[in-house]
Amino acid sequence: MLPHTDLPLPSFSSTTTALEHISSSQLPTPWAVFKIHVFIEPATQKEHVMLTLGDVAGEEPILARIHSECLTGDALFSLRCDCGPQLQLALERIAQEGKGALLYLRQEGRGIGLANKIRAYKLQDEGADTVEANERLGFPADMRRFDMCKDMLDFMGIKRVRLMTNNPRKVKTLEDIGIEVSERIAHQIEDNPYNKNYLNTKRLRLGHMLVSD
C-alpha cells in the first residue's frame, strides 16, 4: 500500500492535448548511445524529452525513470537536492540493463519555474523547508504533472514499466492513465549536509518512500 499523504493528487482530463513528436536522433553519453525523442506540448509549448535504449516496444516491463527538469542539480551539480545523481544513476542503470527509457519533463522547481525556485531557495536559506517555501510564494508544494507521460510511452509502444522512483504519486499517476507499473525500484541517493533536510521533507511531508538514517 502506498504511504498516505494529505496533499491532493494531480487531476487529469480526457481532453488533455496530445503531445506532438518532433524528431528523434542518436545521443551518445558516457553510459550508452541512447536515442533521444523530442515532443512538444501544444497547450504550453513546453518541449519534453525521452531517451530510449534498445527495443522497448511490447508487453515486457521496461526499466524506466520519470525525471523532472532541475537545472541547478542536473546541469550545475547543486548539492541542495538529489536530482543530478538520480538522473545519472537512472541512465547508468538503463545502460547496464541494455534496455529502458527515461522521460525528462520540463517542469522546473516542482512546476513553479526557475526564477520562483531560486526565490524558494532564499526562503529555505532563512529556515523554511521546501514545502513551506513554495507555500509562502503562493504555490502548492508540488505543481508537477505526469499525465503527458502517456503519450510519450504510447509513442514508443511501452505498456508496462519497472519504475525507478521513491515518489508514490508517479506510480499512482501511471496507473491512473493506463500504464502498468509492474515494479517500483527504489532510487535513493546518499544524502549530504546540504540536502539532508530536503530529503527529510520529501519523506515526512510529501510521502516519498525514503529510508532515513
Protein backbone atom coordinates (compact mmCIF):
# COMPACT_ATOMS: atom_id res chain seq x y z
CA MET A 1 0.00 0.00 0.00
CA LEU A 2 1.31 3.46 -0.86
CA PRO A 3 2.02 5.88 2.01
CA HIS A 4 -0.82 8.23 2.87
CA THR A 5 -0.32 11.90 2.12
CA ASP A 6 -2.80 14.71 2.64
CA LEU A 7 -1.60 16.59 -0.43
CA PRO A 8 -4.03 16.43 -3.38
CA LEU A 9 -3.03 14.14 -6.20
CA PRO A 10 -2.81 15.68 -9.67
CA SER A 11 -6.06 15.62 -11.62
CA PHE A 12 -6.22 14.57 -15.24
CA SER A 13 -8.67 15.30 -18.01
CA SER A 14 -9.53 13.16 -21.01
CA THR A 15 -9.36 16.36 -23.06
CA THR A 16 -5.64 16.86 -22.43
CA THR A 17 -3.99 17.90 -25.71
CA ALA A 18 -1.77 15.14 -27.02
CA LEU A 19 1.94 15.71 -27.30
CA GLU A 20 3.38 16.05 -30.77
CA HIS A 21 6.53 14.12 -31.65
CA ILE A 22 9.04 16.48 -33.29
CA SER A 23 12.12 14.42 -34.08
CA SER A 24 14.44 11.63 -32.92
CA SER A 25 18.20 11.16 -33.11
CA GLN A 26 21.15 9.34 -31.58
CA LEU A 27 22.56 10.68 -28.31
CA PRO A 28 25.93 9.29 -27.20
CA THR A 29 26.50 9.56 -23.44
CA PRO A 30 29.15 8.25 -21.03
CA TRP A 31 26.87 5.29 -20.30
CA ALA A 32 25.45 4.30 -23.69
CA VAL A 33 24.33 5.60 -27.06
CA PHE A 34 20.70 6.42 -26.40
CA LYS A 35 18.03 7.52 -28.82
CA ILE A 36 16.58 10.93 -27.98
CA HIS A 37 12.97 11.77 -28.86
CA VAL A 38 11.63 15.32 -28.55
CA PHE A 39 7.95 16.08 -28.02
CA ILE A 40 6.11 19.40 -27.76
CA GLU A 41 3.07 20.08 -25.63
CA PRO A 42 0.86 22.38 -27.77
CA ALA A 43 -1.02 23.85 -24.81
CA THR A 44 2.13 25.10 -23.08
CA GLN A 45 4.74 24.93 -25.89
CA LYS A 46 6.96 23.02 -23.48
CA GLU A 47 9.39 20.56 -25.03
CA HIS A 48 9.70 17.21 -23.26
CA VAL A 49 12.38 14.61 -23.94
CA MET A 50 12.51 10.84 -23.86
CA LEU A 51 15.68 8.76 -24.00
CA THR A 52 15.39 5.12 -25.00
CA LEU A 53 17.85 2.28 -25.25
CA GLY A 54 17.17 -0.94 -27.11
CA ASP A 55 13.84 -2.27 -28.34
CA VAL A 56 11.36 -1.07 -25.73
CA ALA A 57 8.07 -1.79 -27.52
CA GLY A 58 5.89 -4.67 -26.43
CA GLU A 59 4.47 -6.38 -23.37
CA GLU A 60 7.74 -6.78 -21.45
CA PRO A 61 8.05 -4.42 -18.45
CA ILE A 62 10.65 -1.77 -19.31
CA LEU A 63 13.05 -0.22 -16.82
CA ALA A 64 12.01 3.44 -16.72
CA ARG A 65 12.53 6.71 -14.91
CA ILE A 66 10.37 9.85 -14.93
CA HIS A 67 12.61 12.83 -14.19
CA SER A 68 11.53 16.45 -13.91
CA GLU A 69 13.93 19.16 -15.07
CA CYS A 70 16.31 20.56 -12.44
CA LEU A 71 18.80 23.00 -13.94
CA THR A 72 20.66 23.51 -10.67
CA GLY A 73 21.01 19.81 -9.93
CA ASP A 74 21.18 18.26 -13.40
CA ALA A 75 23.46 20.80 -15.10
CA LEU A 76 25.10 22.86 -12.34
CA PHE A 77 25.83 19.99 -9.90
CA SER A 78 23.98 21.51 -6.95
CA LEU A 79 24.18 19.56 -3.70
CA ARG A 80 20.91 21.07 -2.40
CA CYS A 81 18.88 18.27 -3.97
CA ASP A 82 19.33 14.70 -5.22
CA CYS A 83 18.22 15.36 -8.80
CA GLY A 84 21.54 15.24 -10.64
CA PRO A 85 22.74 12.00 -9.05
CA GLN A 86 19.30 10.44 -9.58
CA LEU A 87 19.43 11.33 -13.28
CA GLN A 88 22.90 9.87 -13.71
CA LEU A 89 22.04 6.73 -11.75
CA ALA A 90 18.96 6.15 -13.91
CA LEU A 91 20.98 6.39 -17.11
CA GLU A 92 23.63 4.09 -15.67
CA ARG A 93 21.03 1.51 -14.63
CA ILE A 94 19.36 1.57 -18.06
CA ALA A 95 22.74 1.17 -19.76
CA GLN A 96 23.61 -1.79 -17.53
CA GLU A 97 20.28 -3.40 -18.37
CA GLY A 98 20.76 -2.73 -22.08
CA LYS A 99 17.18 -1.55 -22.46
CA GLY A 100 14.98 1.12 -20.93
CA ALA A 101 13.52 4.61 -21.07
CA LEU A 102 14.00 7.93 -19.31
CA LEU A 103 11.31 10.61 -19.59
CA TYR A 104 12.69 14.11 -18.97
CA LEU A 105 9.86 16.56 -18.27
CA ARG A 106 10.32 20.31 -18.50
CA GLN A 107 8.76 21.36 -15.19
CA GLU A 108 11.50 23.08 -13.23
CA GLY A 109 11.23 23.55 -9.48
CA ARG A 110 8.32 21.14 -8.98
CA GLY A 111 6.47 23.13 -11.59
CA ILE A 112 7.00 26.71 -10.32
CA GLY A 113 9.79 27.62 -12.74
CA LEU A 114 13.43 28.54 -12.27
CA ALA A 115 13.00 32.13 -11.00
CA ASN A 116 10.48 31.10 -8.34
CA LYS A 117 12.63 28.11 -7.43
CA ILE A 118 15.53 30.45 -6.60
CA ARG A 119 13.13 32.64 -4.61
CA ALA A 120 12.15 29.49 -2.73
CA TYR A 121 15.84 28.71 -2.17
CA LYS A 122 16.23 32.11 -0.48
CA LEU A 123 13.35 31.30 1.88
CA GLN A 124 14.98 27.95 2.59
CA ASP A 125 18.22 29.77 3.40
CA GLU A 126 16.19 31.64 6.01
CA GLY A 127 14.84 28.45 7.59
CA ALA A 128 11.81 27.32 5.61
CA ASP A 129 11.59 23.78 4.30
CA THR A 130 10.79 23.16 0.61
CA VAL A 131 7.05 22.83 1.20
CA GLU A 132 6.84 25.98 3.35
CA ALA A 133 8.92 27.96 0.84
CA ASN A 134 6.59 27.11 -2.05
CA GLU A 135 3.52 27.89 0.02
CA ARG A 136 4.90 31.28 1.14
CA LEU A 137 5.30 32.15 -2.55
CA GLY A 138 1.66 31.23 -3.15
CA PHE A 139 2.22 27.83 -4.77
CA PRO A 140 1.23 24.28 -3.83
CA ALA A 141 4.02 22.06 -2.52
CA ASP A 142 4.24 20.24 -5.85
CA MET A 143 2.70 21.50 -9.10
CA ARG A 144 4.14 18.85 -11.40
CA ARG A 145 2.02 16.84 -13.82
CA PHE A 146 2.83 13.42 -15.20
CA ASP A 147 -0.15 12.80 -17.49
CA MET A 148 1.93 13.69 -20.58
CA CYS A 149 3.93 10.54 -19.98
CA LYS A 150 1.09 8.52 -21.50
CA ASP A 151 1.65 9.97 -24.98
CA MET A 152 5.41 9.51 -24.74
CA LEU A 153 5.15 5.89 -23.63
CA ASP A 154 2.45 5.13 -26.19
CA PHE A 155 4.64 6.59 -28.94
CA MET A 156 7.33 4.04 -28.09
CA GLY A 157 4.87 1.19 -27.61
CA ILE A 158 5.65 0.82 -23.91
CA LYS A 159 2.78 -0.69 -21.94
CA ARG A 160 4.38 -1.81 -18.69
CA VAL A 161 7.26 -0.34 -16.68
CA ARG A 162 9.56 -1.13 -13.81
CA LEU A 163 9.70 2.37 -12.41
CA MET A 164 12.76 3.80 -10.68
CA THR A 165 11.20 6.17 -8.17
CA ASN A 166 10.71 6.98 -4.50
CA ASN A 167 7.57 9.02 -5.23
CA PRO A 168 4.23 7.19 -4.85
CA ARG A 169 2.49 9.91 -6.89
CA LYS A 170 4.35 8.86 -10.01
CA VAL A 171 3.28 5.26 -9.52
CA LYS A 172 -0.36 6.25 -8.99
CA THR A 173 -0.35 8.64 -11.94
CA LEU A 174 0.92 6.00 -14.36
CA GLU A 175 -1.65 3.52 -13.11
CA ASP A 176 -4.40 6.15 -13.43
CA ILE A 177 -3.51 6.83 -17.08
CA GLY A 178 -3.36 3.17 -18.03
CA ILE A 179 0.33 2.31 -17.75
CA GLU A 180 1.00 -0.75 -15.62
CA VAL A 181 3.75 -0.39 -13.03
CA SER A 182 4.87 -3.97 -12.54
CA GLU A 183 7.57 -3.00 -10.04
CA ARG A 184 8.76 0.05 -8.11
CA ILE A 185 12.54 0.17 -7.86
CA ALA A 186 13.92 2.30 -5.03
CA HIS A 187 16.04 5.14 -6.39
CA GLN A 188 17.55 6.69 -3.28
CA ILE A 189 20.76 8.71 -3.34
CA GLU A 190 23.06 9.06 -0.34
CA ASP A 191 22.44 12.35 1.41
CA ASN A 192 24.94 15.11 2.14
CA PRO A 193 25.00 18.04 4.60
CA TYR A 194 23.30 20.33 2.06
CA ASN A 195 20.32 18.13 1.13
CA LYS A 196 19.60 16.20 4.34
CA ASN A 197 16.70 18.49 5.33
CA TYR A 198 15.42 18.50 1.74
CA LEU A 199 15.26 14.69 1.71
CA ASN A 200 13.64 14.55 5.14
CA THR A 201 10.96 16.96 3.95
CA LYS A 202 10.27 14.77 0.91
CA ARG A 203 9.93 11.77 3.21
CA LEU A 204 7.90 13.35 6.01
CA ARG A 205 5.74 15.89 4.15
CA LEU A 206 5.49 14.61 0.59
CA GLY A 207 5.26 10.91 1.29
CA HIS A 208 8.37 9.83 -0.61
CA MET A 209 9.49 6.31 0.18
CA LEU A 210 12.95 7.12 1.51
CA VAL A 211 14.90 5.27 4.17
CA SER A 212 16.10 7.65 6.89
CA ASP A 213 19.37 7.33 8.79
